Amino acid sequence: MSQNTIRSSTGAARNPQTHQAILASTIEILKEVGYCGISIESVARRAGASKPTIYRWWPNKAALIAEVYESESGQVRQFPECGSLREDLSFLLHNLWRVWRSSICGEAFRSVIAEAQLDPQTLMQMKNEFMGRRRELPRQLLESAARRGELAADADLELLLDMIFGFCWYRLLTDQLDAERDIDAFIGMLLSGAAAR
């Protein structure tokens, strides 16, 4: 699309073509120059959209990048329960790390985390909305395991989630996602402390 061509907006309702063009442009720019090089202006220019349209749909670039993550990470949510917490967590984390490595999702997630350290509003959105959705599936796995009697009755599921996320985030932020062999070792250590006795 020509940089001088501006896509039509339908106001508060998102024009599907413009919406997709904005997300696609955000992905392209993230791949090319990373988080530091992306701006609402550069996305608008590449997508052929107006800055007011982007700001009407996303309050800042972190919200835009978070939606990129949401739209591109759908395969992580396509999850067959394996029947045991160890197998379920292994499938989930191996799949997550592969998605982070092989798609724009790893860069997008790092970008949202980075912005949250700089902007209190983004931090609140990340804690209250974005991370709430990220924690749903692993929480369901822990709750199912607790019902099956795999976890101690007094196991703190939220703390277990924090430990899982801490491990994964550390490896994402320090670019150690190739060490997938460590996933199952981590799960073994985690469950040995939380297993039903």
Protein backbone atom coordinates (compact mmCIF):
# COMPACT_ATOMS: atom_id res chain seq x y z
CA MET A 1 0.00 0.00 0.00
CA SER A 2 1.23 3.49 -0.81
CA GLN A 3 2.37 5.46 2.20
CA ASN A 4 0.12 8.30 1.00
CA THR A 5 -2.97 6.10 0.96
CA ILE A 6 -4.96 6.40 4.18
CA ARG A 7 -7.33 3.56 4.98
CA SER A 8 -10.83 4.54 5.93
CA SER A 9 -11.83 4.37 9.58
CA THR A 10 -15.26 3.50 10.87
CA GLY A 11 -14.86 5.43 14.11
CA ALA A 12 -14.92 3.45 17.33
CA ALA A 13 -15.89 0.28 15.45
CA ARG A 14 -12.76 -1.26 13.99
CA ASN A 15 -12.56 -1.56 10.23
CA PRO A 16 -11.32 -5.15 9.82
CA GLN A 17 -8.94 -4.32 6.94
CA THR A 18 -7.40 -1.37 8.77
CA HIS A 19 -7.18 -3.39 11.97
CA GLN A 20 -5.30 -6.20 10.23
CA ALA A 21 -3.04 -3.76 8.38
CA ILE A 22 -2.07 -2.13 11.67
CA LEU A 23 -1.30 -5.46 13.35
CA ALA A 24 0.65 -6.68 10.30
CA SER A 25 2.65 -3.44 10.17
CA THR A 26 3.43 -3.68 13.88
CA ILE A 27 4.75 -7.22 13.39
CA GLU A 28 6.89 -6.17 10.41
CA ILE A 29 8.44 -3.25 12.29
CA LEU A 30 9.07 -5.34 15.41
CA LYS A 31 10.89 -7.91 13.27
CA GLU A 32 12.94 -5.25 11.51
CA VAL A 33 13.96 -2.91 14.32
CA GLY A 34 12.64 -4.35 17.60
CA TYR A 35 10.77 -2.61 20.34
CA CYS A 36 13.01 0.47 20.57
CA GLY A 37 12.46 1.29 16.91
CA ILE A 38 8.70 1.04 16.85
CA SER A 39 6.37 4.00 17.25
CA ILE A 40 2.72 4.75 16.58
CA GLU A 41 3.90 7.08 13.80
CA SER A 42 5.89 4.33 12.06
CA VAL A 43 3.00 1.87 12.34
CA ALA A 44 0.50 4.42 11.01
CA ARG A 45 2.77 5.26 8.07
CA ARG A 46 3.32 1.64 7.10
CA ALA A 47 -0.31 0.58 7.60
CA GLY A 48 -1.71 3.56 5.72
CA ALA A 49 -3.77 4.43 8.79
CA SER A 50 -4.05 7.64 10.73
CA LYS A 51 -2.49 8.11 14.15
CA PRO A 52 -5.87 9.17 15.63
CA THR A 53 -7.35 5.85 14.44
CA ILE A 54 -4.60 3.87 16.17
CA TYR A 55 -4.90 5.90 19.36
CA ARG A 56 -8.69 5.47 19.31
CA TRP A 57 -8.25 1.68 19.30
CA TRP A 58 -5.08 1.37 21.42
CA PRO A 59 -4.08 3.91 24.11
CA ASN A 60 -0.34 3.36 23.56
CA LYS A 61 2.13 1.18 21.70
CA ALA A 62 2.27 -1.34 24.55
CA ALA A 63 -1.46 -2.02 24.16
CA LEU A 64 -0.97 -2.44 20.42
CA ILE A 65 1.93 -4.84 20.89
CA ALA A 66 -0.05 -6.75 23.53
CA GLU A 67 -2.80 -7.31 20.96
CA VAL A 68 -0.19 -8.54 18.49
CA TYR A 69 0.85 -11.06 21.13
CA GLU A 70 -2.77 -12.08 21.76
CA SER A 71 -3.48 -12.59 18.06
CA GLU A 72 -0.25 -14.44 17.26
CA SER A 73 -0.10 -16.75 20.30
CA GLY A 74 -3.41 -18.54 19.76
CA GLN A 75 -1.69 -21.87 19.15
CA VAL A 76 -0.50 -21.90 22.77
CA ARG A 77 -4.14 -21.99 23.85
CA GLN A 78 -4.91 -25.01 21.63
CA PHE A 79 -4.11 -27.47 24.34
CA PRO A 80 -4.97 -31.15 24.75
CA GLU A 81 -4.97 -32.11 28.43
CA CYS A 82 -2.61 -35.07 28.80
CA GLY A 83 -4.03 -36.41 32.07
CA SER A 84 -1.26 -35.64 34.54
CA LEU A 85 0.07 -32.29 35.71
CA ARG A 86 3.65 -33.22 34.82
CA GLU A 87 2.68 -34.06 31.22
CA ASP A 88 0.31 -31.10 30.93
CA LEU A 89 2.91 -28.58 32.10
CA SER A 90 5.58 -30.16 29.91
CA PHE A 91 3.39 -29.88 26.81
CA LEU A 92 2.36 -26.30 27.65
CA LEU A 93 5.84 -24.94 28.40
CA HIS A 94 7.61 -26.66 25.50
CA ASN A 95 4.92 -25.33 23.17
CA LEU A 96 5.11 -21.83 24.68
CA TRP A 97 8.90 -21.62 24.35
CA ARG A 98 8.72 -22.79 20.73
CA VAL A 99 6.10 -20.14 19.93
CA TRP A 100 8.22 -17.47 21.63
CA ARG A 101 11.26 -18.58 19.61
CA SER A 102 9.68 -19.14 16.20
CA SER A 103 7.25 -16.22 15.95
CA ILE A 104 7.06 -12.54 16.83
CA CYS A 105 5.52 -13.50 20.17
CA GLY A 106 8.79 -13.60 22.10
CA GLU A 107 9.77 -10.11 20.96
CA ALA A 108 6.23 -8.82 21.56
CA PHE A 109 6.11 -10.22 25.10
CA ARG A 110 9.53 -8.76 25.94
CA SER A 111 8.30 -5.42 24.62
CA VAL A 112 5.19 -5.39 26.80
CA ILE A 113 7.29 -6.28 29.86
CA ALA A 114 9.77 -3.50 29.03
CA GLU A 115 7.05 -0.87 28.60
CA ALA A 116 5.42 -1.93 31.86
CA GLN A 117 8.62 -1.00 33.68
CA LEU A 118 8.45 2.53 32.29
CA ASP A 119 4.75 3.34 32.40
CA PRO A 120 2.51 2.81 35.48
CA GLN A 121 -0.64 2.64 33.34
CA THR A 122 0.85 -0.14 31.21
CA LEU A 123 1.94 -1.97 34.34
CA MET A 124 -1.61 -1.89 35.70
CA GLN A 125 -3.03 -3.09 32.37
CA MET A 126 -0.45 -5.86 32.26
CA LYS A 127 -1.21 -7.04 35.82
CA ASN A 128 -4.98 -6.73 35.65
CA GLU A 129 -5.78 -7.73 32.07
CA PHE A 130 -2.95 -9.11 29.96
CA MET A 131 -1.47 -11.38 32.63
CA GLY A 132 -4.88 -12.44 33.85
CA ARG A 133 -5.48 -14.02 30.46
CA ARG A 134 -1.98 -15.56 30.37
CA ARG A 135 -2.56 -17.26 33.72
CA GLU A 136 -5.97 -18.79 32.88
CA LEU A 137 -4.76 -21.96 31.15
CA PRO A 138 -1.97 -22.92 33.58
CA ARG A 139 -4.34 -22.15 36.48
CA GLN A 140 -6.89 -24.56 34.99
CA LEU A 141 -4.19 -27.24 34.76
CA LEU A 142 -3.26 -26.74 38.42
CA GLU A 143 -6.91 -26.78 39.51
CA SER A 144 -7.52 -30.02 37.57
CA ALA A 145 -4.44 -31.56 39.17
CA ALA A 146 -5.63 -30.49 42.61
CA ARG A 147 -9.02 -32.13 41.97
CA ARG A 148 -7.26 -35.33 40.89
CA GLY A 149 -5.28 -35.31 44.15
CA GLU A 150 -1.90 -34.69 42.48
CA LEU A 151 -1.18 -31.62 44.60
CA ALA A 152 -1.08 -31.21 48.34
CA ALA A 153 -4.36 -29.92 49.76
CA ASP A 154 -2.65 -26.78 51.03
CA ALA A 155 -0.69 -26.08 47.80
CA ASP A 156 -0.83 -22.36 46.95
CA LEU A 157 -1.82 -22.40 43.27
CA GLU A 158 -1.14 -18.70 42.73
CA LEU A 159 2.37 -19.06 44.12
CA LEU A 160 2.96 -22.09 41.89
CA LEU A 161 1.85 -19.96 38.93
CA ASP A 162 4.31 -17.24 39.97
CA MET A 163 7.11 -19.82 40.02
CA ILE A 164 6.20 -21.13 36.56
CA PHE A 165 6.01 -17.63 35.11
CA GLY A 166 9.22 -16.56 36.84
CA PHE A 167 11.14 -19.47 35.31
CA CYS A 168 9.74 -18.86 31.82
CA TRP A 169 10.14 -15.08 31.93
CA TYR A 170 13.75 -15.33 33.10
CA ARG A 171 14.58 -17.62 30.18
CA LEU A 172 12.72 -15.35 27.73
CA LEU A 173 14.35 -12.15 28.96
CA THR A 174 17.85 -13.64 29.01
CA ASP A 175 17.45 -15.35 25.60
CA GLN A 176 17.77 -18.91 26.89
CA LEU A 177 14.77 -20.47 25.15
CA ASP A 178 16.91 -23.05 23.35
CA ALA A 179 17.54 -24.91 26.61
CA GLU A 180 14.23 -26.79 26.48
CA ARG A 181 15.77 -29.74 28.34
CA ASP A 182 15.57 -27.57 31.47
CA ILE A 183 11.77 -27.40 31.30
CA ASP A 184 11.19 -30.95 32.50
CA ALA A 185 13.90 -30.65 35.16
CA PHE A 186 12.17 -27.51 36.44
CA ILE A 187 8.76 -29.21 36.45
CA GLY A 188 10.20 -32.14 38.39
CA MET A 189 11.63 -29.83 41.06
CA LEU A 190 8.42 -27.76 41.21
CA LEU A 191 6.18 -30.78 41.65
CA SER A 192 8.41 -32.50 44.15
CA GLY A 193 7.73 -29.58 46.48
CA ALA A 194 3.99 -29.35 45.83
CA ALA A 195 2.96 -32.97 45.33
CA ALA A 196 0.38 -34.63 47.52
CA ARG A 197 1.99 -36.76 50.24
